[in-house]
Amino acid sequence: MQFHTFDASYVESLCAGDFATQEHFVRYFTELLHLKLRSRLRSPQAIEDVRQETFARVFTSLRKGGALRQPERLGAFVNTVCNNVLFEHYRASSRSDSLDDEGQPELPATGMDALGHVASEQLKTKVREILVDMPPRDRDLLKAVFLDEKDRDEVCGEFGVDREYLRVLLFRAKQEFKTAYLKRIAPGMPAKPPQQRGPIAGDPAKRV
């Protein structure tokens, strides 16, 4: 799919109820949310419920004003709202119809979506505690990308890596976070050990 760039006029039209803009918004983000939710929820009805609730909250927040200060970050805003709705779905379902392949209660697939749930003060505290205990490089990287939402090129400059190796670093950091997340949030569930940090075949680190 072709990614869309948003601006102030788009958000204004959306808030004003412009039919063409709303139709584009729903079509565009429905496709993106389906891609996101299919890896986290098995039930088509659950996917649709989360999608509809996400759209409802986004429209309500935008019409109130002040929720989105940077129109170009509309996509990130929708994603954050979706993460919050998804987290509430996990909490509301003692045993949801979306189970992973091992029959364990479904948690955010990568561990990183947990960072998007910072609207929940209780979880926000847990996330901060986890980050404090992580290696400094992983902590700073996750904070820059997922909490501070810095541009990836800016993060590359700060860490002195290219975008390809940034992807490798993020993968490793997310594995570390997921392991710590499962231990703190769901201590009764086994977590896979983080990926070994030694050199790997084809590791872009060799080119940096």
Protein backbone atom coordinates (compact mmCIF):
# COMPACT_ATOMS: atom_id res chain seq x y z
CA MET A 1 0.00 0.00 0.00
CA GLN A 2 1.02 3.62 -0.52
CA PHE A 3 1.64 5.57 2.67
CA HIS A 4 -0.11 8.91 3.03
CA THR A 5 1.39 12.15 4.36
CA PHE A 6 -0.93 14.13 6.62
CA ASP A 7 -1.10 17.87 7.20
CA ALA A 8 -3.21 20.45 9.01
CA SER A 9 -5.73 20.81 6.19
CA TYR A 10 -6.38 17.07 6.22
CA VAL A 11 -7.01 17.02 9.97
CA GLU A 12 -9.24 20.11 9.71
CA SER A 13 -11.32 18.49 6.97
CA LEU A 14 -11.56 15.32 9.04
CA CYS A 15 -12.79 17.22 12.08
CA ALA A 16 -15.24 19.23 9.95
CA GLY A 17 -16.89 16.03 8.78
CA ASP A 18 -15.78 16.21 5.15
CA PHE A 19 -17.14 12.99 3.61
CA ALA A 20 -14.26 12.36 1.18
CA THR A 21 -11.65 12.88 3.90
CA GLN A 22 -13.46 10.64 6.37
CA GLU A 23 -13.89 7.97 3.73
CA HIS A 24 -10.16 8.08 2.94
CA PHE A 25 -9.27 8.01 6.66
CA VAL A 26 -11.43 4.95 7.34
CA ARG A 27 -10.22 3.08 4.25
CA TYR A 28 -6.56 3.92 4.85
CA PHE A 29 -6.41 3.13 8.57
CA THR A 30 -8.69 0.10 8.31
CA GLU A 31 -6.04 -1.55 6.15
CA LEU A 32 -3.22 -0.58 8.52
CA LEU A 33 -5.09 -1.64 11.66
CA HIS A 34 -6.04 -4.97 10.14
CA LEU A 35 -2.37 -5.64 9.41
CA LYS A 36 -1.53 -4.78 13.02
CA LEU A 37 -4.40 -6.60 14.71
CA ARG A 38 -4.32 -9.83 12.72
CA SER A 39 -1.03 -10.70 14.41
CA ARG A 40 -2.52 -10.06 17.86
CA LEU A 41 -6.14 -11.18 17.70
CA ARG A 42 -7.55 -14.32 16.13
CA SER A 43 -11.22 -13.43 16.32
CA PRO A 44 -12.48 -11.35 13.36
CA GLN A 45 -15.10 -9.87 15.67
CA ALA A 46 -12.46 -8.82 18.19
CA ILE A 47 -10.46 -7.18 15.40
CA GLU A 48 -13.52 -5.30 14.22
CA ASP A 49 -14.45 -4.23 17.76
CA VAL A 50 -10.96 -2.83 18.41
CA ARG A 51 -10.95 -1.08 15.03
CA GLN A 52 -14.32 0.58 15.55
CA GLU A 53 -13.50 1.65 19.09
CA THR A 54 -10.17 3.08 17.90
CA PHE A 55 -11.88 5.17 15.22
CA ALA A 56 -14.55 6.36 17.65
CA ARG A 57 -11.94 7.54 20.16
CA VAL A 58 -9.81 9.19 17.48
CA PHE A 59 -12.76 11.18 16.10
CA THR A 60 -13.90 12.17 19.60
CA SER A 61 -10.41 13.32 20.60
CA LEU A 62 -9.81 15.30 17.40
CA ARG A 63 -13.13 17.12 17.64
CA LYS A 64 -12.43 18.14 21.22
CA GLY A 65 -9.21 19.78 20.07
CA GLY A 66 -5.74 19.75 21.60
CA ALA A 67 -5.25 15.99 21.27
CA LEU A 68 -3.06 16.26 18.18
CA ARG A 69 -0.60 19.14 18.13
CA GLN A 70 1.34 17.89 15.11
CA PRO A 71 -0.99 17.00 12.22
CA GLU A 72 1.78 15.13 10.43
CA ARG A 73 1.78 12.64 13.32
CA LEU A 74 -1.83 11.59 12.80
CA GLY A 75 -0.70 8.05 12.01
CA ALA A 76 1.25 7.75 15.26
CA PHE A 77 -1.73 9.17 17.15
CA VAL A 78 -4.10 6.56 15.68
CA ASN A 79 -1.59 3.82 16.52
CA THR A 80 -1.33 4.96 20.14
CA VAL A 81 -5.12 5.02 20.51
CA CYS A 82 -5.31 1.54 19.00
CA ASN A 83 -2.66 0.29 21.45
CA ASN A 84 -4.68 1.62 24.38
CA VAL A 85 -7.87 -0.03 23.11
CA LEU A 86 -5.99 -3.27 22.50
CA PHE A 87 -4.55 -3.25 26.00
CA GLU A 88 -8.03 -2.75 27.47
CA HIS A 89 -9.20 -5.70 25.40
CA TYR A 90 -6.46 -7.87 26.89
CA ARG A 91 -7.40 -6.83 30.40
CA ALA A 92 -11.14 -7.30 29.85
CA SER A 93 -10.70 -10.82 28.49
CA SER A 94 -9.72 -13.23 31.26
CA ARG A 95 -9.30 -15.80 28.55
CA SER A 96 -9.89 -14.10 25.22
CA ASP A 97 -10.63 -15.86 21.98
CA SER A 98 -7.19 -14.81 20.78
CA LEU A 99 -4.56 -17.26 22.03
CA ASP A 100 -1.09 -17.67 20.72
CA ASP A 101 0.17 -20.92 19.22
CA GLU A 102 1.19 -22.27 22.60
CA GLY A 103 -2.17 -21.55 24.21
CA GLN A 104 -0.85 -18.73 26.36
CA PRO A 105 -2.90 -15.56 26.94
CA GLU A 106 -2.02 -13.17 24.17
CA LEU A 107 0.26 -10.28 25.10
CA PRO A 108 1.64 -7.61 22.80
CA ALA A 109 3.49 -9.59 20.14
CA THR A 110 6.79 -7.76 20.26
CA GLY A 111 6.66 -6.26 23.72
CA MET A 112 6.97 -2.81 22.14
CA ASP A 113 3.26 -2.17 21.99
CA ALA A 114 3.37 -2.18 25.78
CA LEU A 115 5.23 1.12 25.49
CA GLY A 116 2.29 2.52 23.61
CA HIS A 117 0.02 1.86 26.56
CA VAL A 118 1.50 4.66 28.65
CA ALA A 119 -1.96 6.20 29.00
CA SER A 120 -2.44 3.61 31.71
CA GLU A 121 -0.64 5.01 34.73
CA GLN A 122 -0.19 1.61 36.33
CA LEU A 123 1.38 0.11 33.24
CA LYS A 124 3.39 3.28 32.63
CA THR A 125 5.04 2.81 36.01
CA LYS A 126 5.86 -0.81 35.20
CA VAL A 127 7.33 0.13 31.84
CA ARG A 128 9.53 2.79 33.43
CA GLU A 129 10.73 0.28 36.03
CA ILE A 130 11.61 -2.21 33.30
CA LEU A 131 13.52 0.39 31.29
CA VAL A 132 15.54 1.45 34.33
CA ASP A 133 16.77 -2.12 34.79
CA MET A 134 17.70 -2.60 31.14
CA PRO A 135 21.20 -2.04 29.69
CA PRO A 136 21.73 1.71 29.11
CA ARG A 137 22.01 1.39 25.32
CA ASP A 138 18.78 -0.60 25.03
CA ARG A 139 16.99 1.73 27.44
CA ASP A 140 18.04 4.88 25.61
CA LEU A 141 17.19 3.38 22.23
CA LEU A 142 13.68 2.27 23.23
CA LYS A 143 12.99 5.57 24.95
CA ALA A 144 14.10 7.56 21.90
CA VAL A 145 12.06 5.54 19.40
CA PHE A 146 8.93 4.54 21.29
CA LEU A 147 8.47 7.06 24.10
CA ASP A 148 10.05 10.21 22.68
CA GLU A 149 8.98 9.14 19.14
CA LYS A 150 12.04 10.67 17.55
CA ASP A 151 12.58 10.46 13.82
CA ARG A 152 14.52 7.30 12.88
CA ASP A 153 17.19 9.29 11.04
CA GLU A 154 17.70 11.42 14.13
CA VAL A 155 18.06 8.29 16.26
CA CYS A 156 20.58 6.88 13.77
CA GLY A 157 22.64 10.05 14.15
CA GLU A 158 22.55 9.88 17.94
CA PHE A 159 23.65 6.23 18.02
CA GLY A 160 26.08 6.46 15.11
CA VAL A 161 24.46 3.68 13.04
CA ASP A 162 22.66 3.35 9.73
CA ARG A 163 18.96 2.47 9.44
CA GLU A 164 19.67 -1.20 8.71
CA TYR A 165 21.72 -1.68 11.87
CA LEU A 166 19.22 0.39 13.84
CA ARG A 167 16.68 -2.27 12.95
CA VAL A 168 18.98 -4.94 14.39
CA LEU A 169 19.51 -2.96 17.59
CA LEU A 170 15.78 -2.40 17.96
CA PHE A 171 15.06 -6.10 17.51
CA ARG A 172 17.52 -7.02 20.23
CA ALA A 173 16.27 -4.30 22.57
CA LYS A 174 12.66 -5.38 22.03
CA GLN A 175 13.58 -8.96 22.90
CA GLU A 176 15.18 -7.74 26.13
CA PHE A 177 12.11 -5.68 26.94
CA LYS A 178 9.70 -8.51 26.18
CA THR A 179 11.56 -10.87 28.50
CA ALA A 180 11.50 -8.34 31.34
CA TYR A 181 7.90 -7.40 30.56
CA LEU A 182 6.67 -10.99 30.82
CA LYS A 183 8.52 -11.51 34.09
CA ARG A 184 6.95 -8.43 35.68
CA ILE A 185 3.47 -8.32 34.13
CA ALA A 186 2.83 -12.04 33.75
CA PRO A 187 5.29 -13.80 36.07
CA GLY A 188 3.58 -17.15 35.69
CA MET A 189 4.23 -17.30 31.97
CA PRO A 190 7.50 -18.62 30.52
CA ALA A 191 9.42 -16.15 28.42
CA LYS A 192 11.94 -16.93 25.74
CA PRO A 193 15.47 -15.83 26.67
CA PRO A 194 16.70 -12.72 24.86
CA GLN A 195 18.69 -13.28 21.70
CA GLN A 196 22.40 -13.76 22.27
CA ARG A 197 24.28 -10.55 21.66
CA GLY A 198 27.33 -12.13 20.07
CA PRO A 199 28.15 -11.68 16.35
CA ILE A 200 25.60 -13.21 14.01
CA ALA A 201 25.85 -14.19 10.40
CA GLY A 202 25.29 -11.20 8.20
CA ASP A 203 25.12 -8.86 11.20
CA PRO A 204 25.17 -5.29 9.87
CA ALA A 205 27.35 -4.42 12.85
CA LYS A 206 30.27 -5.69 10.83
CA ARG A 207 29.68 -2.92 8.34
CA VAL A 208 29.32 -0.08 10.87
